[in-house]
Amino acid sequence: MANEKHRKPGIPAQLYKPLSESAVKRIADAAFDVLAKGGVAVYSPTAREALAAAGAEVDAESGTARLPRGLVEDAVASNPSSVTLHARGNDDYNAELTDSKVHYGTGGTALYVLDPDTGQRREATTADVALNARFVERLDNIHVFTINVYPHDVKNTDDIDPNRFFHSLNNTTKHVMGGIYSIAGCKKAVKLAEMVAGTPDKLRAEPFVSFITLIISPFKIDKDYGEMACYLARENLPVVVPTEPICGTTSPITLAGNVLTHVAETLAGIAMVQSVNKGAPGICGSVGSITNLTTMDHLGGPVERAMINAAVAQMAQHFQIPLYSTGGTTDSKSVDIQAAYESAMSSLLVAMSGANYIHDIAGLMEADLTVSYEKLVMDNEILGMCQRVLRGIEVDDETLAVEMLMEKGPGQDYLTEDHTIRHMREEFFMPQLANRDKRAQMQPDDEAIGRARRFVKEMRDSEARPLLDENTRKQAMKEFPEIIA
């Protein structure tokens, strides 16, 4: 659904910088101070022991770990500055998280979906995990599938992770990233991925799965998330240690205070990962937002959320750590004009900042609670436009066409020139949904939302073809009978 030049992952960008260079340095220094003097409450025994062994001052009674600046700086230095999220058998969709290269994906682990038949919100199921993965396989501008819904038909917590990862891997060859729900489930998901790869070593060589834990704001490493992050660090698999501070509730209300909280918390996560296994592929993360001042609820679509995530992207580039960021979200409850402008605004701003991997950027709505299939398709088009912006304007002898301008002279058109034919298909972003016809030429229900709905219907009506080979599927079902077929 996109031209080759537009869909290519990893276009570099540093076009939007909400922080000055002096502000970047000031926030970095402040983050070191906060971690050294205020510290982090660590409820994971493994994380506490690893941090203490690395030089943290751990209060035995409270579990608070104060992290000296040198410890954090060493962790930043040992964390890889580049982490590749591999696609499975398709290097075109490898996502190289480094410098200011930009990639897009789904996310959110939404509890609900908007049912395409009824238009009503309902609980998500494993069938929705599979269908979302199938959509991402088809949508060119979505580079990574971060598992974006919670399967309510899986009743046992330890069974959630193998179900989510199995149905994802069986329906897309793009990289699969997922939040995890228990240490037992996490281990099952890793074993499943090793089975798909063929051997554990093959999975480590080209990891086509990665995992999301969480630093709980303000400044808490939870027992379960901490244990899972430490396990994944030992397993040498890509692990995101994101943080989700909310202005005015779990962080200071100012954007600067929120950015500082983001940076300090996720650096604590990187310190934890590196204390367990130096060189492990840790990815810092920013997910926070602002509050609705009338209710103090979390918001998904404010422009300030995009500004915060763009600022954290600057900080990640300063520390040279791969970043998992957030964009494209909305507080709208339907695929309407609010969903379009909130998603487009934040998608473009965060992309222009050079955030390495922007999750939540396709399909998510209602303050991150709900996924819409129509919005997933709409956001793919928005991301194609973002990609065109990041490509910029290429200036060379061929694109300037100086000789042709002089040869043609005044009053001539360029419609039939070879130069026009060579460049016409790749110079512009060609939308699949937007209707650019004149009013008299338009057909009924042929506006963008109508086209999105037709694509959704086509996808749902098409046959689902398993992407895992039959032997692997049988082996997985035998090993993990809890997987819902």
Protein backbone atom coordinates (compact mmCIF):
# COMPACT_ATOMS: atom_id res chain seq x y z
CA MET A 1 0.00 0.00 0.00
CA ALA A 2 2.97 2.38 -0.40
CA ASN A 3 5.79 3.24 -2.77
CA GLU A 4 9.15 1.64 -2.00
CA LYS A 5 10.90 4.88 -1.03
CA HIS A 6 8.09 5.87 1.30
CA ARG A 7 7.64 2.61 3.17
CA LYS A 8 11.32 1.88 3.81
CA PRO A 9 11.96 1.65 7.58
CA GLY A 10 14.70 3.58 9.30
CA ILE A 11 14.63 7.01 7.67
CA PRO A 12 16.74 9.29 9.93
CA ALA A 13 15.17 12.46 11.33
CA GLN A 14 16.03 15.21 13.77
CA LEU A 15 13.71 17.86 12.41
CA TYR A 16 11.86 18.69 15.62
CA LYS A 17 13.82 19.41 18.80
CA PRO A 18 11.72 20.78 21.67
CA LEU A 19 14.81 20.94 23.90
CA SER A 20 17.80 23.22 23.48
CA GLU A 21 21.27 21.68 23.81
CA SER A 22 21.69 23.31 27.21
CA ALA A 23 18.34 21.88 28.33
CA VAL A 24 19.42 18.38 27.24
CA LYS A 25 22.56 18.61 29.36
CA ARG A 26 20.67 20.04 32.32
CA ILE A 27 18.08 17.24 32.26
CA ALA A 28 20.83 14.60 31.94
CA ASP A 29 22.68 15.98 34.97
CA ALA A 30 19.45 16.24 36.94
CA ALA A 31 18.58 12.62 36.16
CA PHE A 32 21.92 11.45 37.54
CA ASP A 33 21.30 13.51 40.70
CA VAL A 34 17.77 12.15 41.19
CA LEU A 35 18.96 8.55 40.92
CA ALA A 36 21.95 9.11 43.19
CA LYS A 37 20.09 11.00 45.93
CA GLY A 38 16.45 9.99 45.64
CA GLY A 39 16.95 6.50 44.26
CA VAL A 40 14.53 3.83 43.11
CA ALA A 41 12.36 1.49 45.17
CA VAL A 42 13.35 -2.01 44.02
CA TYR A 43 10.95 -4.84 44.91
CA SER A 44 12.62 -7.47 42.72
CA PRO A 45 15.19 -9.49 44.71
CA THR A 46 17.22 -10.28 41.59
CA ALA A 47 17.34 -6.64 40.53
CA ARG A 48 18.21 -5.49 44.05
CA GLU A 49 21.09 -7.95 44.32
CA ALA A 50 22.42 -7.09 40.86
CA LEU A 51 22.29 -3.35 41.49
CA ALA A 52 23.99 -3.75 44.89
CA ALA A 53 26.74 -5.83 43.30
CA ALA A 54 27.22 -3.07 40.71
CA GLY A 55 27.73 -0.45 43.42
CA ALA A 56 24.25 0.81 44.33
CA GLU A 57 23.57 1.81 47.91
CA VAL A 58 20.61 -0.39 48.88
CA ASP A 59 18.60 0.28 52.01
CA ALA A 60 17.91 -3.21 53.38
CA GLU A 61 14.74 -2.12 55.17
CA SER A 62 13.00 -0.06 52.46
CA GLY A 63 14.56 -1.67 49.39
CA THR A 64 15.43 1.77 47.99
CA ALA A 65 18.51 1.67 45.77
CA ARG A 66 20.51 4.86 45.25
CA LEU A 67 22.47 4.66 42.04
CA PRO A 68 25.78 6.56 41.93
CA ARG A 69 26.41 8.52 38.75
CA GLY A 70 29.31 6.26 37.81
CA LEU A 71 27.11 3.17 37.98
CA VAL A 72 24.53 4.70 35.63
CA GLU A 73 27.17 6.04 33.25
CA ASP A 74 28.80 2.60 33.10
CA ALA A 75 25.42 1.05 32.34
CA VAL A 76 24.77 3.51 29.53
CA ALA A 77 28.24 2.80 28.12
CA SER A 78 27.77 -0.98 28.18
CA ASN A 79 24.23 -0.96 26.75
CA PRO A 80 24.29 -1.42 22.96
CA SER A 81 23.76 1.85 21.10
CA SER A 82 22.04 -0.13 18.34
CA VAL A 83 19.48 -2.91 18.71
CA THR A 84 17.94 -4.56 15.65
CA LEU A 85 14.41 -5.89 15.88
CA HIS A 86 14.58 -8.57 13.20
CA ALA A 87 11.75 -9.51 10.90
CA ARG A 88 11.39 -13.23 10.26
CA GLY A 89 12.73 -14.10 6.82
CA ASN A 90 12.28 -10.56 5.50
CA ASP A 91 15.20 -8.22 6.12
CA ASP A 92 13.33 -5.36 4.41
CA TYR A 93 11.38 -4.95 7.64
CA ASN A 94 14.26 -5.18 10.11
CA ALA A 95 14.00 -2.25 12.51
CA GLU A 96 17.44 -0.93 13.45
CA LEU A 97 17.00 1.15 16.58
CA THR A 98 19.97 3.49 16.55
CA ASP A 99 20.83 7.18 16.20
CA SER A 100 17.74 8.96 14.85
CA LYS A 101 16.37 6.21 12.60
CA VAL A 102 12.57 6.04 12.78
CA HIS A 103 10.26 3.01 12.74
CA TYR A 104 6.54 2.58 13.47
CA GLY A 105 4.41 -0.08 15.09
CA THR A 106 1.24 -0.95 16.93
CA GLY A 107 0.92 -1.34 20.68
CA GLY A 108 -1.09 -0.61 23.76
CA THR A 109 -2.37 -4.02 24.87
CA ALA A 110 -5.85 -2.54 24.58
CA LEU A 111 -8.63 -4.26 26.48
CA TYR A 112 -11.21 -3.65 23.76
CA VAL A 113 -11.73 -3.47 20.01
CA LEU A 114 -14.34 -1.61 18.01
CA ASP A 115 -16.27 -4.42 16.38
CA PRO A 116 -16.33 -3.79 12.59
CA ASP A 117 -19.81 -5.35 12.31
CA THR A 118 -21.59 -3.47 15.08
CA GLY A 119 -19.38 -0.43 15.59
CA GLN A 120 -19.63 -1.15 19.32
CA ARG A 121 -16.79 -1.67 21.75
CA ARG A 122 -16.28 -5.25 22.91
CA GLU A 123 -13.63 -7.22 24.79
CA ALA A 124 -10.69 -8.38 22.67
CA THR A 125 -9.92 -12.08 22.15
CA THR A 126 -7.14 -14.25 20.71
CA ALA A 127 -8.92 -13.96 17.35
CA ASP A 128 -8.28 -10.21 17.51
CA VAL A 129 -4.59 -10.80 18.27
CA ALA A 130 -4.39 -12.90 15.10
CA LEU A 131 -6.42 -10.49 12.97
CA ASN A 132 -4.38 -7.46 14.05
CA ALA A 133 -1.20 -9.35 13.15
CA ARG A 134 -2.65 -10.14 9.71
CA PHE A 135 -3.43 -6.46 9.16
CA VAL A 136 0.10 -5.42 10.12
CA GLU A 137 1.52 -8.01 7.70
CA ARG A 138 -0.34 -6.21 4.89
CA LEU A 139 0.16 -2.56 5.92
CA ASP A 140 3.46 -1.34 4.47
CA ASN A 141 4.09 1.64 6.73
CA ILE A 142 3.76 -0.35 9.96
CA HIS A 143 7.16 -1.92 10.48
CA VAL A 144 6.78 -3.82 13.78
CA PHE A 145 3.85 -5.66 15.36
CA THR A 146 3.67 -4.82 19.02
CA ILE A 147 0.89 -7.10 20.28
CA ASN A 148 -1.89 -4.60 20.74
CA VAL A 149 -4.82 -6.34 22.44
CA TYR A 150 -5.43 -8.41 25.55
CA PRO A 151 -7.14 -11.79 24.94
CA HIS A 152 -10.01 -12.07 27.42
CA ASP A 153 -10.75 -15.64 26.35
CA VAL A 154 -7.49 -16.76 28.00
CA LYS A 155 -8.36 -17.19 31.67
CA ASN A 156 -5.06 -18.25 33.24
CA THR A 157 -2.50 -15.46 33.57
CA ASP A 158 0.42 -17.80 32.83
CA ASP A 159 -1.24 -18.74 29.52
CA ILE A 160 -1.60 -15.19 28.16
CA ASP A 161 1.96 -14.77 26.88
CA PRO A 162 2.23 -18.00 24.85
CA ASN A 163 -1.18 -17.34 23.30
CA ARG A 164 -0.35 -13.76 22.35
CA PHE A 165 3.04 -14.62 20.87
CA PHE A 166 1.85 -17.77 19.07
CA HIS A 167 -1.04 -16.07 17.30
CA SER A 168 1.20 -13.12 16.42
CA LEU A 169 4.03 -15.21 14.99
CA ASN A 170 1.53 -17.34 13.07
CA ASN A 171 0.06 -14.28 11.33
CA THR A 172 2.95 -11.91 10.61
CA THR A 173 6.59 -12.21 9.62
CA LYS A 174 7.34 -8.71 10.91
CA HIS A 175 9.08 -8.39 14.26
CA VAL A 176 6.81 -9.22 17.20
CA MET A 177 7.16 -7.24 20.41
CA GLY A 178 4.92 -7.87 23.39
CA GLY A 179 4.22 -6.95 26.96
CA ILE A 180 4.40 -9.90 29.32
CA TYR A 181 2.12 -10.91 32.17
CA SER A 182 4.00 -13.44 34.32
CA ILE A 183 7.46 -14.89 34.66
CA ALA A 184 6.09 -18.34 33.79
CA GLY A 185 4.33 -16.98 30.72
CA CYS A 186 7.44 -15.05 29.71
CA LYS A 187 9.54 -18.21 29.82
CA LYS A 188 6.93 -20.01 27.70
CA ALA A 189 7.03 -17.20 25.14
CA VAL A 190 10.83 -17.39 24.96
CA LYS A 191 10.70 -21.18 24.53
CA LEU A 192 8.08 -20.79 21.80
CA ALA A 193 10.26 -18.28 19.95
CA GLU A 194 13.27 -20.63 20.23
CA MET A 195 11.10 -23.38 18.74
CA VAL A 196 10.15 -21.14 15.82
CA ALA A 197 13.78 -20.06 15.30
CA GLY A 198 15.00 -23.65 15.35
CA THR A 199 17.54 -23.24 18.16
CA PRO A 200 18.13 -20.83 21.06
CA ASP A 201 21.32 -19.58 19.38
CA LYS A 202 19.47 -18.74 16.17
CA LEU A 203 16.97 -16.67 18.12
CA ARG A 204 19.75 -14.71 19.85
CA ALA A 205 21.57 -14.16 16.56
CA GLU A 206 18.51 -12.62 14.90
CA PRO A 207 15.85 -11.96 17.54
CA PHE A 208 12.44 -11.68 15.86
CA VAL A 209 10.73 -11.19 19.23
CA SER A 210 11.28 -8.65 21.97
CA PHE A 211 9.63 -7.98 25.30
CA ILE A 212 8.22 -5.05 27.25
CA THR A 213 8.46 -4.76 31.02
CA LEU A 214 7.78 -1.56 33.02
CA ILE A 215 9.26 0.85 35.49
CA ILE A 216 6.27 1.95 37.58
CA SER A 217 6.12 5.68 38.17
CA PRO A 218 7.20 7.22 40.36
CA PHE A 219 10.51 5.37 40.65
CA LYS A 220 9.48 1.78 41.41
CA ILE A 221 10.86 -1.45 40.02
CA ASP A 222 8.01 -3.87 40.66
CA LYS A 223 8.80 -7.40 41.83
CA ASP A 224 7.25 -9.17 38.82
CA TYR A 225 8.36 -6.72 36.13
CA GLY A 226 11.81 -6.56 37.70
CA GLU A 227 12.19 -10.34 37.75
CA MET A 228 11.03 -10.59 34.14
CA ALA A 229 13.42 -7.84 33.00
CA CYS A 230 16.31 -9.55 34.77
CA TYR A 231 15.40 -12.93 33.25
CA LEU A 232 15.31 -11.44 29.75
CA ALA A 233 18.60 -9.63 30.34
CA ARG A 234 20.20 -12.95 31.33
CA GLU A 235 18.69 -14.54 28.22
CA ASN A 236 20.28 -11.76 26.14
CA LEU A 237 17.01 -10.90 24.39
CA PRO A 238 15.85 -7.35 23.59
CA VAL A 239 13.95 -5.95 26.56
CA VAL A 240 12.23 -2.58 26.82
CA VAL A 241 12.24 -0.88 30.22
CA PRO A 242 9.66 1.87 29.62
CA THR A 243 8.20 4.32 32.05
CA GLU A 244 4.78 5.97 32.05
CA PRO A 245 4.78 9.07 34.27
CA ILE A 246 1.65 11.22 34.03
CA CYS A 247 1.89 14.98 34.55
CA GLY A 248 0.39 16.00 37.87
CA THR A 249 -0.19 12.51 39.27
CA THR A 250 2.94 10.35 39.00
CA SER A 251 5.30 13.11 37.90
CA PRO A 252 5.53 16.87 38.36
CA ILE A 253 2.82 18.60 36.34
CA THR A 254 5.30 20.49 34.15
CA LEU A 255 6.49 18.97 30.88
CA ALA A 256 10.10 19.49 31.97
CA GLY A 257 9.48 17.63 35.22
CA ASN A 258 7.78 14.81 33.33
CA VAL A 259 10.66 14.49 30.85
CA LEU A 260 13.14 14.38 33.74
CA THR A 261 11.08 11.64 35.41
CA HIS A 262 10.99 9.69 32.15
CA VAL A 263 14.75 9.93 31.71
CA ALA A 264 15.70 9.07 35.28
CA GLU A 265 13.31 6.12 35.52
CA THR A 266 14.27 4.52 32.24
CA LEU A 267 17.98 5.01 32.99
CA ALA A 268 17.33 3.07 36.21
CA GLY A 269 15.87 0.32 34.04
CA ILE A 270 18.95 0.31 31.81
CA ALA A 271 21.14 0.17 34.94
CA MET A 272 19.17 -2.87 36.14
CA VAL A 273 19.52 -4.67 32.80
CA GLN A 274 23.25 -3.97 32.54
CA SER A 275 23.87 -4.92 36.19
CA VAL A 276 22.42 -8.35 35.42
CA ASN A 277 24.21 -8.84 32.09
CA LYS A 278 26.62 -6.29 30.64
CA GLY A 279 25.95 -5.79 26.96
CA ALA A 280 22.38 -7.10 27.08
CA PRO A 281 20.14 -5.34 24.53
CA GLY A 282 18.22 -2.89 26.71
CA ILE A 283 15.81 -0.37 25.18
CA CYS A 284 14.68 2.68 27.09
CA GLY A 285 11.07 3.75 26.75
CA SER A 286 8.70 6.68 27.03
CA VAL A 287 4.93 6.24 27.28
CA GLY A 288 3.76 9.01 29.61
CA SER A 289 1.30 11.80 29.03
CA ILE A 290 -0.63 14.58 30.74
CA THR A 291 -3.82 14.54 32.78
CA ASN A 292 -7.35 15.69 32.14
CA LEU A 293 -7.40 18.50 34.68
CA THR A 294 -11.12 18.07 35.35
CA THR A 295 -10.81 14.38 36.32
CA MET A 296 -7.03 13.78 36.63
CA ASP A 297 -7.40 10.83 34.23
CA HIS A 298 -4.64 9.83 31.81
CA LEU A 299 -5.00 11.27 28.29
CA GLY A 300 -3.94 9.67 25.02
CA GLY A 301 -4.24 12.42 22.43
CA PRO A 302 -2.91 15.76 23.73
CA VAL A 303 -0.20 17.50 21.74
CA GLU A 304 1.85 17.75 24.94
CA ARG A 305 2.21 13.96 24.92
CA ALA A 306 3.93 14.23 21.56
CA MET A 307 6.15 17.03 22.86
CA ILE A 308 7.18 14.92 25.86
CA ASN A 309 8.04 11.92 23.69
CA ALA A 310 9.95 14.08 21.23
CA ALA A 311 11.96 15.51 24.11
CA VAL A 312 12.73 12.03 25.45
CA ALA A 313 13.90 11.11 21.94
CA GLN A 314 16.44 13.93 22.18
CA MET A 315 17.58 12.60 25.52
CA ALA A 316 17.92 9.03 24.18
CA GLN A 317 20.03 10.36 21.32
CA HIS A 318 22.18 12.22 23.87
CA PHE A 319 22.81 8.99 25.79
CA GLN A 320 23.01 6.92 22.57
CA ILE A 321 20.48 4.38 23.82
CA PRO A 322 17.80 2.82 21.59
CA LEU A 323 14.35 4.26 22.28
CA TYR A 324 10.84 2.85 22.35
CA SER A 325 8.54 5.85 22.09
CA THR A 326 4.83 6.63 21.76
CA GLY A 327 2.75 8.53 19.22
CA GLY A 328 -0.39 8.45 17.13
CA THR A 329 -2.86 8.03 19.98
CA THR A 330 -6.19 9.77 20.52
CA ASP A 331 -8.86 10.23 23.15
CA SER A 332 -11.65 9.87 20.59
CA LYS A 333 -14.07 6.96 21.00
CA SER A 334 -14.74 6.64 17.27
CA VAL A 335 -12.81 7.01 14.02
CA ASP A 336 -13.74 10.65 13.57
CA ILE A 337 -12.09 14.00 12.91
CA GLN A 338 -10.66 14.13 16.45
CA ALA A 339 -9.03 10.72 15.96
CA ALA A 340 -7.54 11.92 12.68
CA TYR A 341 -6.05 15.22 13.82
CA GLU A 342 -4.78 14.01 17.20
CA SER A 343 -3.16 10.94 15.66
CA ALA A 344 -1.66 12.80 12.71
CA MET A 345 -0.25 15.62 14.82
CA SER A 346 1.49 13.41 17.36
CA SER A 347 2.66 10.89 14.75
CA LEU A 348 4.40 13.60 12.75
CA LEU A 349 5.95 15.39 15.72
CA VAL A 350 7.40 12.26 17.32
CA ALA A 351 8.60 10.94 13.95
CA MET A 352 10.30 14.26 13.22
CA SER A 353 12.16 14.00 16.54
CA GLY A 354 13.98 10.86 15.37
CA ALA A 355 12.45 8.51 17.95
CA ASN A 356 13.71 5.04 17.02
CA TYR A 357 10.60 2.93 17.45
CA ILE A 358 7.24 4.64 17.89
CA HIS A 359 4.69 2.18 19.23
CA ASP A 360 0.94 2.75 19.75
CA ILE A 361 1.07 4.73 16.50
CA ALA A 362 -1.50 2.66 14.59
CA GLY A 363 -5.02 1.67 15.55
CA LEU A 364 -5.12 2.83 19.16
CA MET A 365 -7.80 5.15 20.58
CA GLU A 366 -9.84 6.03 23.68
CA ALA A 367 -6.85 6.87 25.90
CA ASP A 368 -5.12 3.62 24.85
CA LEU A 369 -8.03 1.36 25.86
CA THR A 370 -9.38 0.40 22.43
CA VAL A 371 -8.15 -0.71 19.01
CA SER A 372 -10.06 0.07 15.82
CA TYR A 373 -9.37 -1.84 12.62
CA GLU A 374 -10.50 1.12 10.52
CA LYS A 375 -8.13 3.40 12.43
CA LEU A 376 -5.31 0.90 11.93
CA VAL A 377 -5.76 1.33 8.18
CA MET A 378 -6.14 5.12 8.46
CA ASP A 379 -2.98 5.40 10.56
CA ASN A 380 -1.03 3.42 7.99
CA GLU A 381 -1.83 6.21 5.55
CA ILE A 382 -0.84 8.90 8.06
CA LEU A 383 2.48 7.09 8.54
CA GLY A 384 3.07 7.06 4.80
CA MET A 385 2.73 10.84 4.86
CA CYS A 386 5.14 11.01 7.82
CA GLN A 387 7.64 8.93 5.86
CA ARG A 388 7.41 11.35 2.94
CA VAL A 389 8.15 14.26 5.26
CA LEU A 390 11.17 12.46 6.76
CA ARG A 391 12.56 11.74 3.28
CA GLY A 392 12.76 15.46 2.70
CA ILE A 393 13.53 17.05 -0.66
CA GLU A 394 16.38 15.40 -2.52
CA VAL A 395 18.56 17.95 -4.32
CA ASP A 396 21.00 16.80 -7.01
CA ASP A 397 21.57 17.28 -10.74
CA GLU A 398 18.80 14.84 -11.61
CA THR A 399 16.12 16.34 -9.34
CA LEU A 400 16.98 19.99 -10.08
CA ALA A 401 16.70 19.34 -13.83
CA VAL A 402 18.58 22.54 -14.68
CA GLU A 403 19.41 21.50 -18.24
CA MET A 404 15.79 20.64 -18.98
CA LEU A 405 14.57 23.96 -17.58
CA MET A 406 16.95 25.88 -19.83
CA GLU A 407 16.18 23.73 -22.86
CA LYS A 408 12.39 23.98 -22.51
CA GLY A 409 12.35 27.72 -21.92
CA PRO A 410 9.33 29.85 -21.02
CA GLY A 411 5.73 28.74 -21.50
CA GLN A 412 6.36 25.00 -21.97
CA ASP A 413 4.87 22.13 -19.97
CA TYR A 414 6.67 19.05 -18.60
CA LEU A 415 3.89 16.49 -18.78
CA THR A 416 5.41 14.15 -21.36
CA GLU A 417 9.07 14.54 -20.46
CA ASP A 418 11.10 11.40 -19.65
CA HIS A 419 12.14 13.15 -16.44
CA THR A 420 8.49 13.35 -15.38
CA ILE A 421 7.91 9.69 -16.15
CA ARG A 422 11.04 8.63 -14.25
CA HIS A 423 10.07 10.45 -11.06
CA MET A 424 6.29 10.64 -11.02
CA ARG A 425 5.70 7.40 -9.09
CA GLU A 426 8.25 7.97 -6.34
CA GLU A 427 8.37 11.73 -5.84
CA PHE A 428 4.91 12.02 -4.28
CA PHE A 429 3.17 10.06 -1.58
CA MET A 430 0.21 8.36 -3.24
CA PRO A 431 -2.62 7.85 -0.73
CA GLN A 432 -4.78 4.76 -0.78
CA LEU A 433 -7.63 6.18 1.30
CA ALA A 434 -7.79 9.92 0.59
CA ASN A 435 -10.17 10.75 -2.27
CA ARG A 436 -8.70 13.47 -4.48
CA ASP A 437 -11.38 13.30 -7.18
CA LYS A 438 -13.63 16.24 -7.92
CA ARG A 439 -17.06 16.11 -6.36
CA ALA A 440 -18.77 15.23 -9.65
CA GLN A 441 -16.52 12.18 -10.08
CA MET A 442 -17.00 10.76 -6.59
CA GLN A 443 -18.88 7.53 -6.03
CA PRO A 444 -21.13 6.88 -3.00
CA ASP A 445 -19.27 5.87 0.18
CA ASP A 446 -15.94 6.55 -1.50
CA GLU A 447 -14.50 8.91 1.08
CA ALA A 448 -11.50 7.87 3.17
CA ILE A 449 -13.50 6.13 5.92
CA GLY A 450 -15.49 4.16 3.33
CA ARG A 451 -12.29 2.98 1.68
CA ALA A 452 -10.86 2.01 5.08
CA ARG A 453 -13.98 -0.02 5.84
CA ARG A 454 -13.74 -1.83 2.52
CA PHE A 455 -10.12 -2.75 3.26
CA VAL A 456 -11.16 -4.06 6.68
CA LYS A 457 -13.92 -6.16 5.08
CA GLU A 458 -11.52 -7.52 2.48
CA MET A 459 -9.06 -8.55 5.17
CA ARG A 460 -11.71 -10.20 7.33
CA ASP A 461 -13.21 -12.03 4.36
CA SER A 462 -9.85 -13.29 3.08
CA GLU A 463 -8.55 -16.68 4.14
CA ALA A 464 -6.15 -16.64 7.06
CA ARG A 465 -3.03 -18.53 6.01
CA PRO A 466 -0.76 -19.74 8.83
CA LEU A 467 2.77 -18.35 8.51
CA LEU A 468 4.35 -20.92 10.82
CA ASP A 469 5.04 -24.24 9.12
CA GLU A 470 2.81 -27.17 10.04
CA ASN A 471 5.47 -29.02 12.05
CA THR A 472 6.21 -25.96 14.18
CA ARG A 473 2.50 -25.36 14.78
CA LYS A 474 1.98 -28.97 15.85
CA GLN A 475 5.05 -28.87 18.08
CA ALA A 476 3.87 -25.63 19.71
CA MET A 477 0.36 -26.99 20.33
CA LYS A 478 1.83 -30.14 21.90
CA GLU A 479 4.29 -28.22 24.06
CA PHE A 480 1.74 -25.57 25.03
CA PRO A 481 -1.74 -27.14 25.08
CA GLU A 482 -3.04 -23.93 26.66
CA ILE A 483 -2.82 -22.19 23.25
CA ILE A 484 -6.31 -21.57 21.93
CA ALA A 485 -6.56 -22.91 18.39
